[in-house]
Amino acid sequence: MDATFARRRILEPARLRALAQRSDLRGAAQALSHFGAILFTGWLLWETWGTWIAIPVFMVHGTLLNFLYAGQHELSHGTVFATKWLNEWLGRAIGFIQIFPRDFDQIQHFAHHRHTSDWERDGELAREPYRLTSYLLWLSGLSYWPTRIARILRFARGEVIEPYIRVDEEQRVIREGRWHLGLYLALIAVSLAFQSWALVILWIAPMFAMKWTHQLQNTIEHLGLEHSNDILSNTRSTRTSALMRWMCWQMQYHTAHHMFPSVPFWKLRDLNADIEKGIGGAPHRMGYIEFQIEVIRKLAGACSEADFPMNEVWIAPRAGGGFARLPAI
């Protein structure tokens, strides 16, 4: 079935246009509240450093830093602000903080949207099938950060090997990688000159140590679902709290986002309700903890992710759930 026609069965064009309206005010409210929370926890971490109170503050601060990627993601889609340049330059700033250059991330992520769950073309599936050990290393962040740093170093050397990066895009990511590397080295030099640990305490250490909190979101969105071109079969939403939805810029409504990526984050709840009404049920949905328990249980009993059929769902709620199969979207 034609994808556009299938989507129109769920959401009328006029309704989509209404939902897709951007707002500088709503974008600023989300961005300022997230950065404001980081500034507060950063100040508190600095003031309490060396005491036991610093431990929970460190954890909260690192979690907030990692979930900034949700903002970078939305900014790459250009849906946070109505003013276009704000989307680009705030996205670049967050990409620098995340050690995840904005232009590269945008190229990779758009390949992910165009070819979701296609092993050959999905920009976010450029990996070997998970084994239990490799999954736990990725979930913890221990294998995440080395890949991010190595990629920037490779781009800075002029080496681009990603198949989803076109030839005409290579200089763009090479230039970006060199800018990032140069600025990181400059910050290291300044820190050494002033003999300051501020960047380590307030940025690098908490962000690296708490990456696992954001990996809970990264891993739940598509893993264990069908490798098909049907969004309702290859994408999963997340059951969670209002606090987590704020911190993740509403990206827990992930099926809604994939189905209509032009809709701003702050309207995804309404979009999700429209979709559920249109399909007569809920899309795939799990909670963070139940998902991780199920993934670990399944991988512990298999050699690797490749042991499970790609045309079947192998991670689902134990007590049932899901939705009736619909035409491909």
C-alpha atoms as a PDB file:
ATOM      1  CA  MET A   1       0.000   0.000   0.000  1.00  0.00           C
ATOM      2  CA  ASP A   2       1.249   3.506  -0.770  1.00  0.00           C
ATOM      3  CA  ALA A   3       2.657   5.004   2.442  1.00  0.00           C
ATOM      4  CA  THR A   4       1.128   8.451   1.922  1.00  0.00           C
ATOM      5  CA  PHE A   5      -2.312   6.985   1.375  1.00  0.00           C
ATOM      6  CA  ALA A   6      -1.937   4.796   4.476  1.00  0.00           C
ATOM      7  CA  ARG A   7      -1.002   7.790   6.623  1.00  0.00           C
ATOM      8  CA  ARG A   8      -3.973   9.787   5.345  1.00  0.00           C
ATOM      9  CA  ARG A   9      -6.246   7.027   6.564  1.00  0.00           C
ATOM     10  CA  ILE A  10      -4.953   7.775  10.049  1.00  0.00           C
ATOM     11  CA  LEU A  11      -4.541  11.551   9.940  1.00  0.00           C
ATOM     12  CA  GLU A  12      -6.138  14.039   7.581  1.00  0.00           C
ATOM     13  CA  PRO A  13      -3.774  16.555   5.905  1.00  0.00           C
ATOM     14  CA  ALA A  14      -5.496  19.522   7.577  1.00  0.00           C
ATOM     15  CA  ARG A  15      -5.008  17.954  11.016  1.00  0.00           C
ATOM     16  CA  LEU A  16      -1.352  17.244  10.227  1.00  0.00           C
ATOM     17  CA  ARG A  17      -0.775  20.859   9.158  1.00  0.00           C
ATOM     18  CA  ALA A  18      -2.274  22.060  12.434  1.00  0.00           C
ATOM     19  CA  LEU A  19      -0.100  19.704  14.484  1.00  0.00           C
ATOM     20  CA  ALA A  20       3.047  20.611  12.531  1.00  0.00           C
ATOM     21  CA  GLN A  21       3.009  24.296  13.507  1.00  0.00           C
ATOM     22  CA  ARG A  22       6.270  25.340  15.197  1.00  0.00           C
ATOM     23  CA  SER A  23       6.531  27.693  18.158  1.00  0.00           C
ATOM     24  CA  ASP A  24       9.570  29.678  19.311  1.00  0.00           C
ATOM     25  CA  LEU A  25       7.886  30.127  22.693  1.00  0.00           C
ATOM     26  CA  ARG A  26       7.259  26.416  23.301  1.00  0.00           C
ATOM     27  CA  GLY A  27      10.707  25.532  22.018  1.00  0.00           C
ATOM     28  CA  ALA A  28      12.340  28.104  24.284  1.00  0.00           C
ATOM     29  CA  ALA A  29      10.355  26.904  27.301  1.00  0.00           C
ATOM     30  CA  GLN A  30      11.593  23.345  26.838  1.00  0.00           C
ATOM     31  CA  ALA A  31      15.197  24.297  26.053  1.00  0.00           C
ATOM     32  CA  LEU A  32      15.495  26.828  28.881  1.00  0.00           C
ATOM     33  CA  SER A  33      13.935  24.482  31.428  1.00  0.00           C
ATOM     34  CA  HIS A  34      16.340  21.681  30.480  1.00  0.00           C
ATOM     35  CA  PHE A  35      19.423  23.900  30.459  1.00  0.00           C
ATOM     36  CA  GLY A  36      18.202  25.606  33.616  1.00  0.00           C
ATOM     37  CA  ALA A  37      17.971  22.260  35.398  1.00  0.00           C
ATOM     38  CA  ILE A  38      21.528  21.414  34.240  1.00  0.00           C
ATOM     39  CA  LEU A  39      22.861  24.753  35.506  1.00  0.00           C
ATOM     40  CA  PHE A  40      21.183  24.194  38.873  1.00  0.00           C
ATOM     41  CA  THR A  41      22.476  20.632  39.331  1.00  0.00           C
ATOM     42  CA  GLY A  42      25.896  21.749  38.091  1.00  0.00           C
ATOM     43  CA  TRP A  43      26.026  24.533  40.694  1.00  0.00           C
ATOM     44  CA  LEU A  44      24.838  22.122  43.390  1.00  0.00           C
ATOM     45  CA  LEU A  45      27.404  19.509  42.340  1.00  0.00           C
ATOM     46  CA  TRP A  46      30.215  22.064  42.547  1.00  0.00           C
ATOM     47  CA  GLU A  47      29.064  23.276  45.968  1.00  0.00           C
ATOM     48  CA  THR A  48      28.720  19.765  47.411  1.00  0.00           C
ATOM     49  CA  TRP A  49      31.760  18.161  45.758  1.00  0.00           C
ATOM     50  CA  GLY A  50      33.621  16.028  48.283  1.00  0.00           C
ATOM     51  CA  THR A  51      30.530  15.273  50.362  1.00  0.00           C
ATOM     52  CA  TRP A  52      28.109  12.356  50.207  1.00  0.00           C
ATOM     53  CA  ILE A  53      25.383  14.671  48.864  1.00  0.00           C
ATOM     54  CA  ALA A  54      27.413  15.036  45.669  1.00  0.00           C
ATOM     55  CA  ILE A  55      26.721  11.395  44.713  1.00  0.00           C
ATOM     56  CA  PRO A  56      22.978  11.707  43.941  1.00  0.00           C
ATOM     57  CA  VAL A  57      23.536  15.200  42.518  1.00  0.00           C
ATOM     58  CA  PHE A  58      26.246  13.798  40.235  1.00  0.00           C
ATOM     59  CA  MET A  59      23.823  11.129  39.002  1.00  0.00           C
ATOM     60  CA  VAL A  60      20.995  13.575  38.314  1.00  0.00           C
ATOM     61  CA  HIS A  61      23.349  16.035  36.629  1.00  0.00           C
ATOM     62  CA  GLY A  62      24.814  13.338  34.377  1.00  0.00           C
ATOM     63  CA  THR A  63      21.347  12.090  33.451  1.00  0.00           C
ATOM     64  CA  LEU A  64      20.202  15.584  32.483  1.00  0.00           C
ATOM     65  CA  LEU A  65      23.335  16.054  30.370  1.00  0.00           C
ATOM     66  CA  ASN A  66      22.767  12.807  28.498  1.00  0.00           C
ATOM     67  CA  PHE A  67      19.114  13.488  27.806  1.00  0.00           C
ATOM     68  CA  LEU A  68      20.124  16.715  26.069  1.00  0.00           C
ATOM     69  CA  TYR A  69      20.487  14.453  23.042  1.00  0.00           C
ATOM     70  CA  ALA A  70      16.687  14.422  22.842  1.00  0.00           C
ATOM     71  CA  GLY A  71      16.911  18.146  22.178  1.00  0.00           C
ATOM     72  CA  GLN A  72      19.622  17.700  19.568  1.00  0.00           C
ATOM     73  CA  HIS A  73      17.437  15.123  17.846  1.00  0.00           C
ATOM     74  CA  GLU A  74      14.446  17.434  17.679  1.00  0.00           C
ATOM     75  CA  LEU A  75      16.580  20.381  16.599  1.00  0.00           C
ATOM     76  CA  SER A  76      17.957  18.283  13.724  1.00  0.00           C
ATOM     77  CA  HIS A  77      14.387  17.757  12.589  1.00  0.00           C
ATOM     78  CA  GLY A  78      13.875  21.533  12.726  1.00  0.00           C
ATOM     79  CA  THR A  79      10.745  21.187  14.858  1.00  0.00           C
ATOM     80  CA  VAL A  80      11.769  22.914  18.095  1.00  0.00           C
ATOM     81  CA  PHE A  81      11.681  26.545  16.921  1.00  0.00           C
ATOM     82  CA  ALA A  82       9.813  28.333  14.168  1.00  0.00           C
ATOM     83  CA  THR A  83      13.006  30.373  13.625  1.00  0.00           C
ATOM     84  CA  LYS A  84      15.201  28.075  11.511  1.00  0.00           C
ATOM     85  CA  TRP A  85      18.641  29.264  12.588  1.00  0.00           C
ATOM     86  CA  LEU A  86      17.817  28.599  16.225  1.00  0.00           C
ATOM     87  CA  ASN A  87      17.250  24.938  15.394  1.00  0.00           C
ATOM     88  CA  GLU A  88      20.625  24.693  13.683  1.00  0.00           C
ATOM     89  CA  TRP A  89      22.864  26.537  16.120  1.00  0.00           C
ATOM     90  CA  LEU A  90      21.401  25.245  19.352  1.00  0.00           C
ATOM     91  CA  GLY A  91      21.678  21.799  17.791  1.00  0.00           C
ATOM     92  CA  ARG A  92      25.357  22.430  17.079  1.00  0.00           C
ATOM     93  CA  ALA A  93      25.941  23.563  20.667  1.00  0.00           C
ATOM     94  CA  ILE A  94      24.285  20.456  22.102  1.00  0.00           C
ATOM     95  CA  GLY A  95      26.151  18.244  19.621  1.00  0.00           C
ATOM     96  CA  PHE A  96      29.411  19.700  20.935  1.00  0.00           C
ATOM     97  CA  ILE A  97      28.390  18.972  24.526  1.00  0.00           C
ATOM     98  CA  GLN A  98      27.328  15.444  23.577  1.00  0.00           C
ATOM     99  CA  ILE A  99      30.554  14.727  21.606  1.00  0.00           C
ATOM    100  CA  PHE A 100      28.171  13.917  18.749  1.00  0.00           C
ATOM    101  CA  PRO A 101      28.586  16.455  15.891  1.00  0.00           C
ATOM    102  CA  ARG A 102      25.269  17.810  14.689  1.00  0.00           C
ATOM    103  CA  ASP A 103      25.744  17.451  10.916  1.00  0.00           C
ATOM    104  CA  PHE A 104      26.893  13.841  11.181  1.00  0.00           C
ATOM    105  CA  ASP A 105      24.087  13.008  13.576  1.00  0.00           C
ATOM    106  CA  GLN A 106      21.532  14.571  11.233  1.00  0.00           C
ATOM    107  CA  ILE A 107      22.802  12.589   8.232  1.00  0.00           C
ATOM    108  CA  GLN A 108      22.838   9.353  10.214  1.00  0.00           C
ATOM    109  CA  HIS A 109      19.435   9.988  11.755  1.00  0.00           C
ATOM    110  CA  PHE A 110      17.713  10.858   8.507  1.00  0.00           C
ATOM    111  CA  ALA A 111      19.046   7.594   7.041  1.00  0.00           C
ATOM    112  CA  HIS A 112      17.475   5.920  10.066  1.00  0.00           C
ATOM    113  CA  HIS A 113      14.105   7.510   9.332  1.00  0.00           C
ATOM    114  CA  ARG A 114      14.199   6.668   5.633  1.00  0.00           C
ATOM    115  CA  HIS A 115      15.255   3.052   6.197  1.00  0.00           C
ATOM    116  CA  THR A 116      14.150   2.183   9.724  1.00  0.00           C
ATOM    117  CA  SER A 117      15.301  -1.306  10.768  1.00  0.00           C
ATOM    118  CA  ASP A 118      16.863  -2.041   7.366  1.00  0.00           C
ATOM    119  CA  TRP A 119      20.221  -3.600   8.286  1.00  0.00           C
ATOM    120  CA  GLU A 120      21.816  -2.438   5.049  1.00  0.00           C
ATOM    121  CA  ARG A 121      20.691   1.204   5.053  1.00  0.00           C
ATOM    122  CA  ASP A 122      19.518   2.301   8.518  1.00  0.00           C
ATOM    123  CA  GLY A 123      22.171   4.744   9.765  1.00  0.00           C
ATOM    124  CA  GLU A 124      21.612   3.697  13.375  1.00  0.00           C
ATOM    125  CA  LEU A 125      21.938  -0.033  12.660  1.00  0.00           C
ATOM    126  CA  ALA A 126      25.557   0.127  11.541  1.00  0.00           C
ATOM    127  CA  ARG A 127      26.590  -2.517  14.060  1.00  0.00           C
ATOM    128  CA  GLU A 128      26.908  -6.257  14.530  1.00  0.00           C
ATOM    129  CA  PRO A 129      23.885  -8.084  15.983  1.00  0.00           C
ATOM    130  CA  TYR A 130      23.948  -7.859  19.751  1.00  0.00           C
ATOM    131  CA  ARG A 131      25.249 -10.629  21.930  1.00  0.00           C
ATOM    132  CA  LEU A 132      24.496 -10.418  25.638  1.00  0.00           C
ATOM    133  CA  THR A 133      27.970  -9.063  26.441  1.00  0.00           C
ATOM    134  CA  SER A 134      28.026  -6.491  23.633  1.00  0.00           C
ATOM    135  CA  TYR A 135      24.505  -5.375  24.538  1.00  0.00           C
ATOM    136  CA  LEU A 136      25.384  -4.839  28.198  1.00  0.00           C
ATOM    137  CA  LEU A 137      28.534  -2.937  27.235  1.00  0.00           C
ATOM    138  CA  TRP A 138      26.495  -0.673  24.943  1.00  0.00           C
ATOM    139  CA  LEU A 139      23.753  -0.235  27.531  1.00  0.00           C
ATOM    140  CA  SER A 140      26.297   0.751  30.185  1.00  0.00           C
ATOM    141  CA  GLY A 141      27.972   3.288  27.904  1.00  0.00           C
ATOM    142  CA  LEU A 142      31.360   1.543  28.149  1.00  0.00           C
ATOM    143  CA  SER A 143      31.408   0.812  24.412  1.00  0.00           C
ATOM    144  CA  TYR A 144      29.387   3.899  23.462  1.00  0.00           C
ATOM    145  CA  TRP A 145      31.919   6.619  24.251  1.00  0.00           C
ATOM    146  CA  PRO A 146      34.945   5.006  22.556  1.00  0.00           C
ATOM    147  CA  THR A 147      33.005   4.770  19.290  1.00  0.00           C
ATOM    148  CA  ARG A 148      31.977   8.431  19.490  1.00  0.00           C
ATOM    149  CA  ILE A 149      35.493   9.662  20.200  1.00  0.00           C
ATOM    150  CA  ALA A 150      37.061   7.374  17.574  1.00  0.00           C
ATOM    151  CA  ARG A 151      34.642   8.658  14.934  1.00  0.00           C
ATOM    152  CA  ILE A 152      35.563  12.299  15.548  1.00  0.00           C
ATOM    153  CA  LEU A 153      39.264  11.407  15.355  1.00  0.00           C
ATOM    154  CA  ARG A 154      38.649   9.507  12.111  1.00  0.00           C
ATOM    155  CA  PHE A 155      36.702  12.374  10.562  1.00  0.00           C
ATOM    156  CA  ALA A 156      39.463  14.779  11.625  1.00  0.00           C
ATOM    157  CA  ARG A 157      41.916  12.584   9.689  1.00  0.00           C
ATOM    158  CA  GLY A 158      39.669  12.802   6.643  1.00  0.00           C
ATOM    159  CA  GLU A 159      38.410   9.214   6.837  1.00  0.00           C
ATOM    160  CA  VAL A 160      34.702   8.613   6.164  1.00  0.00           C
ATOM    161  CA  ILE A 161      33.587   4.976   5.951  1.00  0.00           C
ATOM    162  CA  GLU A 162      29.866   5.225   6.770  1.00  0.00           C
ATOM    163  CA  PRO A 163      27.866   3.920   3.767  1.00  0.00           C
ATOM    164  CA  TYR A 164      24.953   6.292   4.432  1.00  0.00           C
ATOM    165  CA  ILE A 165      27.140   9.402   4.037  1.00  0.00           C
ATOM    166  CA  ARG A 166      27.086  10.547   0.407  1.00  0.00           C
ATOM    167  CA  VAL A 167      30.291  11.618  -1.332  1.00  0.00           C
ATOM    168  CA  ASP A 168      29.080  15.222  -1.480  1.00  0.00           C
ATOM    169  CA  GLU A 169      28.524  15.149   2.310  1.00  0.00           C
ATOM    170  CA  GLU A 170      31.973  13.862   3.254  1.00  0.00           C
ATOM    171  CA  GLN A 171      33.747  17.234   3.441  1.00  0.00           C
ATOM    172  CA  ARG A 172      30.928  18.537   5.602  1.00  0.00           C
ATOM    173  CA  VAL A 173      31.444  15.890   8.307  1.00  0.00           C
ATOM    174  CA  ILE A 174      35.251  16.050   7.970  1.00  0.00           C
ATOM    175  CA  ARG A 175      35.224  19.813   8.520  1.00  0.00           C
ATOM    176  CA  GLU A 176      32.835  19.422  11.425  1.00  0.00           C
ATOM    177  CA  GLY A 177      34.995  16.720  13.019  1.00  0.00           C
ATOM    178  CA  ARG A 178      38.074  18.940  12.791  1.00  0.00           C
ATOM    179  CA  TRP A 179      36.258  21.875  14.398  1.00  0.00           C
ATOM    180  CA  HIS A 180      35.092  19.657  17.235  1.00  0.00           C
ATOM    181  CA  LEU A 181      38.516  18.144  17.817  1.00  0.00           C
ATOM    182  CA  GLY A 182      40.180  21.565  17.756  1.00  0.00           C
ATOM    183  CA  LEU A 183      37.757  23.002  20.292  1.00  0.00           C
ATOM    184  CA  TYR A 184      38.053  19.981  22.597  1.00  0.00           C
ATOM    185  CA  LEU A 185      41.852  20.281  22.512  1.00  0.00           C
ATOM    186  CA  ALA A 186      41.566  23.993  23.254  1.00  0.00           C
ATOM    187  CA  LEU A 187      39.401  23.270  26.306  1.00  0.00           C
ATOM    188  CA  ILE A 188      41.903  20.674  27.513  1.00  0.00           C
ATOM    189  CA  ALA A 189      44.729  23.180  27.085  1.00  0.00           C
ATOM    190  CA  VAL A 190      42.860  25.867  29.047  1.00  0.00           C
ATOM    191  CA  SER A 191      42.036  23.396  31.830  1.00  0.00           C
ATOM    192  CA  LEU A 192      45.684  22.347  32.077  1.00  0.00           C
ATOM    193  CA  ALA A 193      46.857  25.957  32.046  1.00  0.00           C
ATOM    194  CA  PHE A 194      44.550  26.855  34.931  1.00  0.00           C
ATOM    195  CA  GLN A 195      44.990  23.460  36.609  1.00  0.00           C
ATOM    196  CA  SER A 196      41.194  23.165  36.732  1.00  0.00           C
ATOM    197  CA  TRP A 197      39.091  20.027  37.035  1.00  0.00           C
ATOM    198  CA  ALA A 198      35.849  21.914  36.416  1.00  0.00           C
ATOM    199  CA  LEU A 199      35.176  20.439  32.962  1.00  0.00           C
ATOM    200  CA  VAL A 200      35.764  16.920  34.250  1.00  0.00           C
ATOM    201  CA  ILE A 201      33.595  17.351  37.345  1.00  0.00           C
ATOM    202  CA  LEU A 202      30.753  19.284  35.712  1.00  0.00           C
ATOM    203  CA  TRP A 203      30.720  17.751  32.223  1.00  0.00           C
ATOM    204  CA  ILE A 204      32.818  14.764  31.206  1.00  0.00           C
ATOM    205  CA  ALA A 205      32.677  12.554  34.310  1.00  0.00           C
ATOM    206  CA  PRO A 206      28.909  12.782  34.975  1.00  0.00           C
ATOM    207  CA  MET A 207      28.009  12.548  31.287  1.00  0.00           C
ATOM    208  CA  PHE A 208      30.203   9.494  30.709  1.00  0.00           C
ATOM    209  CA  ALA A 209      29.223   7.739  33.943  1.00  0.00           C
ATOM    210  CA  MET A 210      25.475   8.226  33.518  1.00  0.00           C
ATOM    211  CA  LYS A 211      25.170   7.377  29.834  1.00  0.00           C
ATOM    212  CA  TRP A 212      23.312   4.207  30.756  1.00  0.00           C
ATOM    213  CA  THR A 213      20.259   6.246  31.742  1.00  0.00           C
ATOM    214  CA  HIS A 214      19.863   7.588  28.207  1.00  0.00           C
ATOM    215  CA  GLN A 215      20.662   4.183  26.720  1.00  0.00           C
ATOM    216  CA  LEU A 216      17.422   2.963  28.271  1.00  0.00           C
ATOM    217  CA  GLN A 217      15.673   5.201  25.727  1.00  0.00           C
ATOM    218  CA  ASN A 218      18.046   4.514  22.827  1.00  0.00           C
ATOM    219  CA  THR A 219      17.633   0.756  23.036  1.00  0.00           C
ATOM    220  CA  ILE A 220      13.871   0.539  23.559  1.00  0.00           C
ATOM    221  CA  GLU A 221      12.793   2.376  20.407  1.00  0.00           C
ATOM    222  CA  HIS A 222      13.302  -0.387  17.808  1.00  0.00           C
ATOM    223  CA  LEU A 223      15.169  -3.369  19.231  1.00  0.00           C
ATOM    224  CA  GLY A 224      13.320  -6.672  19.170  1.00  0.00           C
ATOM    225  CA  LEU A 225      10.696  -5.599  16.637  1.00  0.00           C
ATOM    226  CA  GLU A 226      10.239  -6.560  12.994  1.00  0.00           C
ATOM    227  CA  HIS A 227      12.789  -5.480  10.396  1.00  0.00           C
ATOM    228  CA  SER A 228      10.100  -4.302   7.999  1.00  0.00           C
ATOM    229  CA  ASN A 229       9.053  -1.028   6.365  1.00  0.00           C
ATOM    230  CA  ASP A 230       5.929  -0.833   8.527  1.00  0.00           C
ATOM    231  CA  ILE A 231       6.327   1.838  11.226  1.00  0.00           C
ATOM    232  CA  LEU A 232       3.718   0.149  13.388  1.00  0.00           C
ATOM    233  CA  SER A 233       5.801  -3.033  13.274  1.00  0.00           C
ATOM    234  CA  ASN A 234       9.332  -1.648  13.612  1.00  0.00           C
ATOM    235  CA  THR A 235       8.948   1.156  16.177  1.00  0.00           C
ATOM    236  CA  ARG A 236       8.091   1.097  19.877  1.00  0.00           C
ATOM    237  CA  SER A 237       6.773   3.790  22.224  1.00  0.00           C
ATOM    238  CA  THR A 238       7.509   3.883  25.950  1.00  0.00           C
ATOM    239  CA  ARG A 239       5.305   3.844  29.036  1.00  0.00           C
ATOM    240  CA  THR A 240       6.832   6.228  31.562  1.00  0.00           C
ATOM    241  CA  SER A 241       6.293   9.245  33.810  1.00  0.00           C
ATOM    242  CA  ALA A 242       5.656  12.896  32.985  1.00  0.00           C
ATOM    243  CA  LEU A 243       9.109  13.771  34.365  1.00  0.00           C
ATOM    244  CA  MET A 244      10.811  11.344  31.983  1.00  0.00           C
ATOM    245  CA  ARG A 245       8.745  12.622  29.059  1.00  0.00           C
ATOM    246  CA  TRP A 246       9.883  16.178  29.843  1.00  0.00           C
ATOM    247  CA  MET A 247      13.514  15.144  30.060  1.00  0.00           C
ATOM    248  CA  CYS A 248      13.277  13.196  26.780  1.00  0.00           C
ATOM    249  CA  TRP A 249      11.404  15.966  24.966  1.00  0.00           C
ATOM    250  CA  GLN A 250       8.334  13.691  24.610  1.00  0.00           C
ATOM    251  CA  MET A 251      10.277  11.237  22.432  1.00  0.00           C
ATOM    252  CA  GLN A 252       8.687   8.328  24.283  1.00  0.00           C
ATOM    253  CA  TYR A 253       5.843   8.794  21.786  1.00  0.00           C
ATOM    254  CA  HIS A 254       8.275   7.306  19.325  1.00  0.00           C
ATOM    255  CA  THR A 255       5.853   5.623  16.959  1.00  0.00           C
ATOM    256  CA  ALA A 256       4.012   8.904  16.511  1.00  0.00           C
ATOM    257  CA  HIS A 257       7.317  10.670  15.835  1.00  0.00           C
ATOM    258  CA  HIS A 258       8.355   8.146  13.179  1.00  0.00           C
ATOM    259  CA  MET A 259       4.984   8.215  11.520  1.00  0.00           C
ATOM    260  CA  PHE A 260       4.857  12.017  11.265  1.00  0.00           C
ATOM    261  CA  PRO A 261       8.356  13.417  12.026  1.00  0.00           C
ATOM    262  CA  SER A 262       7.325  16.951  11.056  1.00  0.00           C
ATOM    263  CA  VAL A 263       5.211  17.270  14.214  1.00  0.00           C
ATOM    264  CA  PRO A 264       6.973  19.160  17.072  1.00  0.00           C
ATOM    265  CA  PHE A 265       7.804  17.288  20.261  1.00  0.00           C
ATOM    266  CA  TRP A 266       5.254  19.172  22.351  1.00  0.00           C
ATOM    267  CA  LYS A 267       2.385  17.968  20.153  1.00  0.00           C
ATOM    268  CA  LEU A 268       3.368  14.296  20.083  1.00  0.00           C
ATOM    269  CA  ARG A 269       0.941  13.366  22.855  1.00  0.00           C
ATOM    270  CA  ASP A 270      -1.972  14.737  20.824  1.00  0.00           C
ATOM    271  CA  LEU A 271      -0.617  13.081  17.686  1.00  0.00           C
ATOM    272  CA  ASN A 272      -0.305   9.767  19.501  1.00  0.00           C
ATOM    273  CA  ALA A 273      -3.952  10.002  20.616  1.00  0.00           C
ATOM    274  CA  ASP A 274      -5.015  10.652  17.005  1.00  0.00           C
ATOM    275  CA  ILE A 275      -3.006   7.657  15.799  1.00  0.00           C
ATOM    276  CA  GLU A 276      -4.450   5.348  18.422  1.00  0.00           C
ATOM    277  CA  LYS A 277      -7.922   6.462  17.437  1.00  0.00           C
ATOM    278  CA  GLY A 278      -7.074   5.943  13.766  1.00  0.00           C
ATOM    279  CA  ILE A 279      -5.699   2.409  14.175  1.00  0.00           C
ATOM    280  CA  GLY A 280      -8.179   1.362  16.839  1.00  0.00           C
ATOM    281  CA  GLY A 281      -5.546   0.483  19.431  1.00  0.00           C
ATOM    282  CA  ALA A 282      -2.103   1.270  20.767  1.00  0.00           C
ATOM    283  CA  PRO A 283       1.198   0.759  18.948  1.00  0.00           C
ATOM    284  CA  HIS A 284       3.968  -1.364  20.461  1.00  0.00           C
ATOM    285  CA  ARG A 285       4.697  -0.011  23.914  1.00  0.00           C
ATOM    286  CA  MET A 286       6.726  -1.150  26.928  1.00  0.00           C
ATOM    287  CA  GLY A 287       8.191   0.259  30.122  1.00  0.00           C
ATOM    288  CA  TYR A 288      11.931   0.819  30.450  1.00  0.00           C
ATOM    289  CA  ILE A 289      12.604  -1.845  33.067  1.00  0.00           C
ATOM    290  CA  GLU A 290      10.364  -4.571  31.662  1.00  0.00           C
ATOM    291  CA  PHE A 291      11.991  -4.056  28.266  1.00  0.00           C
ATOM    292  CA  GLN A 292      15.534  -4.421  29.613  1.00  0.00           C
ATOM    293  CA  ILE A 293      14.610  -7.515  31.612  1.00  0.00           C
ATOM    294  CA  GLU A 294      13.128  -9.115  28.516  1.00  0.00           C
ATOM    295  CA  VAL A 295      16.097  -8.259  26.272  1.00  0.00           C
ATOM    296  CA  ILE A 296      18.601  -9.645  28.763  1.00  0.00           C
ATOM    297  CA  ARG A 297      16.487 -12.765  29.293  1.00  0.00           C
ATOM    298  CA  LYS A 298      16.240 -13.433  25.550  1.00  0.00           C
ATOM    299  CA  LEU A 299      19.907 -12.725  24.765  1.00  0.00           C
ATOM    300  CA  ALA A 300      21.012 -14.856  27.722  1.00  0.00           C
ATOM    301  CA  GLY A 301      19.244 -17.808  26.108  1.00  0.00           C
ATOM    302  CA  ALA A 302      20.599 -17.247  22.592  1.00  0.00           C
ATOM    303  CA  CYS A 303      23.911 -16.770  20.834  1.00  0.00           C
ATOM    304  CA  SER A 304      22.996 -13.360  19.458  1.00  0.00           C
ATOM    305  CA  GLU A 305      20.251 -11.094  18.190  1.00  0.00           C
ATOM    306  CA  ALA A 306      20.679 -12.807  14.787  1.00  0.00           C
ATOM    307  CA  ASP A 307      19.152 -15.998  16.220  1.00  0.00           C
ATOM    308  CA  PHE A 308      15.706 -14.383  16.177  1.00  0.00           C
ATOM    309  CA  PRO A 309      13.688 -14.086  12.936  1.00  0.00           C
ATOM    310  CA  MET A 310      13.779 -10.575  11.503  1.00  0.00           C
ATOM    311  CA  ASN A 311      10.119 -10.755  10.471  1.00  0.00           C
ATOM    312  CA  GLU A 312       8.885 -11.403  14.018  1.00  0.00           C
ATOM    313  CA  VAL A 313       8.631  -9.454  17.268  1.00  0.00           C
ATOM    314  CA  TRP A 314      10.907 -11.069  19.859  1.00  0.00           C
ATOM    315  CA  ILE A 315      10.742  -8.433  22.589  1.00  0.00           C
ATOM    316  CA  ALA A 316       7.201  -7.767  23.787  1.00  0.00           C
ATOM    317  CA  PRO A 317       5.327  -7.458  27.096  1.00  0.00           C
ATOM    318  CA  ARG A 318       4.982 -10.852  28.733  1.00  0.00           C
ATOM    319  CA  ALA A 319       1.315 -10.279  29.507  1.00  0.00           C
ATOM    320  CA  GLY A 320       0.340  -9.661  25.878  1.00  0.00           C
ATOM    321  CA  GLY A 321      -0.516  -6.264  24.458  1.00  0.00           C
ATOM    322  CA  GLY A 322       0.455  -4.919  21.062  1.00  0.00           C
ATOM    323  CA  PHE A 323      -1.942  -4.136  18.257  1.00  0.00           C
ATOM    324  CA  ALA A 324      -3.774  -5.763  15.408  1.00  0.00           C
ATOM    325  CA  ARG A 325      -1.720  -5.881  12.205  1.00  0.00           C
ATOM    326  CA  LEU A 326      -2.485  -3.015   9.847  1.00  0.00           C
ATOM    327  CA  PRO A 327      -1.401  -2.136   6.276  1.00  0.00           C
ATOM    328  CA  ALA A 328       2.256  -1.163   6.007  1.00  0.00           C
ATOM    329  CA  ILE A 329       2.972   2.482   6.867  1.00  0.00           C
END
